[in-house]
Amino acid sequence: MAAGSEKESVRTVCSYCGVGCGMVLDVVRDPADGRRRVARAAGDRAHPANRGRLCTKGATS
């Protein structure tokens, strides 16, 4: 993560299949251009569909 960037965790749903697994994305704002980028994707442990686990497609999204 670049110095001076803000990190925000965003809860969302994976869109690769019909299961709708819960995901938590760590989003950072690039200080150079101000755009938000996903720094990390992880399974949402509180989501009932996947309990924190992600398949290969979801983990590499």
C-alpha atoms as a PDB file:
ATOM      1  CA  MET A   1       0.000   0.000   0.000  1.00  0.00           C
ATOM      2  CA  ALA A   2       1.336   3.391  -0.918  1.00  0.00           C
ATOM      3  CA  ALA A   3       2.150   5.942   1.741  1.00  0.00           C
ATOM      4  CA  GLY A   4      -0.715   8.335   2.354  1.00  0.00           C
ATOM      5  CA  SER A   5      -3.382   6.086   0.871  1.00  0.00           C
ATOM      6  CA  GLU A   6      -6.629   5.417   2.729  1.00  0.00           C
ATOM      7  CA  LYS A   7      -7.819   1.839   3.271  1.00  0.00           C
ATOM      8  CA  GLU A   8     -11.517   1.017   3.426  1.00  0.00           C
ATOM      9  CA  SER A   9     -13.173  -2.405   3.835  1.00  0.00           C
ATOM     10  CA  VAL A  10     -16.224  -2.921   1.638  1.00  0.00           C
ATOM     11  CA  ARG A  11     -18.614  -5.862   2.017  1.00  0.00           C
ATOM     12  CA  THR A  12     -20.029  -7.103  -1.286  1.00  0.00           C
ATOM     13  CA  VAL A  13     -21.181 -10.219  -3.154  1.00  0.00           C
ATOM     14  CA  CYS A  14     -19.207 -12.183  -5.750  1.00  0.00           C
ATOM     15  CA  SER A  15     -20.800 -12.096  -9.216  1.00  0.00           C
ATOM     16  CA  TYR A  16     -19.087 -15.071 -10.863  1.00  0.00           C
ATOM     17  CA  CYS A  17     -21.908 -17.594 -10.320  1.00  0.00           C
ATOM     18  CA  GLY A  18     -25.394 -17.867  -8.849  1.00  0.00           C
ATOM     19  CA  VAL A  19     -24.279 -18.720  -5.297  1.00  0.00           C
ATOM     20  CA  GLY A  20     -23.588 -15.099  -4.331  1.00  0.00           C
ATOM     21  CA  CYS A  21     -20.735 -15.642  -1.887  1.00  0.00           C
ATOM     22  CA  GLY A  22     -19.983 -12.787   0.485  1.00  0.00           C
ATOM     23  CA  MET A  23     -16.708 -10.949   0.016  1.00  0.00           C
ATOM     24  CA  VAL A  24     -14.785  -8.272   1.877  1.00  0.00           C
ATOM     25  CA  LEU A  25     -12.706  -6.008  -0.359  1.00  0.00           C
ATOM     26  CA  ASP A  26      -9.897  -3.839   0.954  1.00  0.00           C
ATOM     27  CA  VAL A  27     -10.070  -0.721  -1.203  1.00  0.00           C
ATOM     28  CA  VAL A  28      -7.337   1.919  -1.320  1.00  0.00           C
ATOM     29  CA  ARG A  29      -7.312   5.337  -2.944  1.00  0.00           C
ATOM     30  CA  ASP A  30      -4.283   5.944  -5.140  1.00  0.00           C
ATOM     31  CA  PRO A  31      -2.756   9.279  -4.050  1.00  0.00           C
ATOM     32  CA  ALA A  32      -1.392   9.884  -7.552  1.00  0.00           C
ATOM     33  CA  ASP A  33      -4.714   9.911  -9.417  1.00  0.00           C
ATOM     34  CA  GLY A  34      -7.361   9.600  -6.680  1.00  0.00           C
ATOM     35  CA  ARG A  35      -8.865   6.403  -8.104  1.00  0.00           C
ATOM     36  CA  ARG A  36     -10.045   3.598  -5.830  1.00  0.00           C
ATOM     37  CA  ARG A  37      -8.458   0.172  -6.352  1.00  0.00           C
ATOM     38  CA  VAL A  38      -9.033  -3.227  -4.781  1.00  0.00           C
ATOM     39  CA  ALA A  39      -5.938  -4.181  -2.792  1.00  0.00           C
ATOM     40  CA  ARG A  40      -7.262  -7.489  -1.417  1.00  0.00           C
ATOM     41  CA  ALA A  41     -10.323  -9.731  -1.752  1.00  0.00           C
ATOM     42  CA  ALA A  42     -11.297 -12.167   1.001  1.00  0.00           C
ATOM     43  CA  GLY A  43     -14.316 -14.235   1.943  1.00  0.00           C
ATOM     44  CA  ASP A  44     -16.824 -12.727   4.368  1.00  0.00           C
ATOM     45  CA  ARG A  45     -16.892 -14.993   7.447  1.00  0.00           C
ATOM     46  CA  ALA A  46     -20.283 -13.601   8.481  1.00  0.00           C
ATOM     47  CA  HIS A  47     -21.970 -14.444   5.151  1.00  0.00           C
ATOM     48  CA  PRO A  48     -24.213 -17.549   5.340  1.00  0.00           C
ATOM     49  CA  ALA A  49     -23.551 -18.744   1.772  1.00  0.00           C
ATOM     50  CA  ASN A  50     -19.800 -19.274   2.081  1.00  0.00           C
ATOM     51  CA  ARG A  51     -18.750 -18.604   5.724  1.00  0.00           C
ATOM     52  CA  GLY A  52     -15.509 -16.930   4.616  1.00  0.00           C
ATOM     53  CA  ARG A  53     -14.466 -19.353   1.909  1.00  0.00           C
ATOM     54  CA  LEU A  54     -14.010 -18.433  -1.742  1.00  0.00           C
ATOM     55  CA  CYS A  55     -13.567 -20.584  -4.832  1.00  0.00           C
ATOM     56  CA  THR A  56     -10.641 -19.986  -7.194  1.00  0.00           C
ATOM     57  CA  LYS A  57     -12.629 -17.562  -9.358  1.00  0.00           C
ATOM     58  CA  GLY A  58     -13.837 -15.503  -6.408  1.00  0.00           C
ATOM     59  CA  ALA A  59     -10.421 -15.414  -4.766  1.00  0.00           C
ATOM     60  CA  THR A  60      -8.761 -14.049  -7.911  1.00  0.00           C
ATOM     61  CA  SER A  61     -11.448 -11.491  -8.766  1.00  0.00           C
END
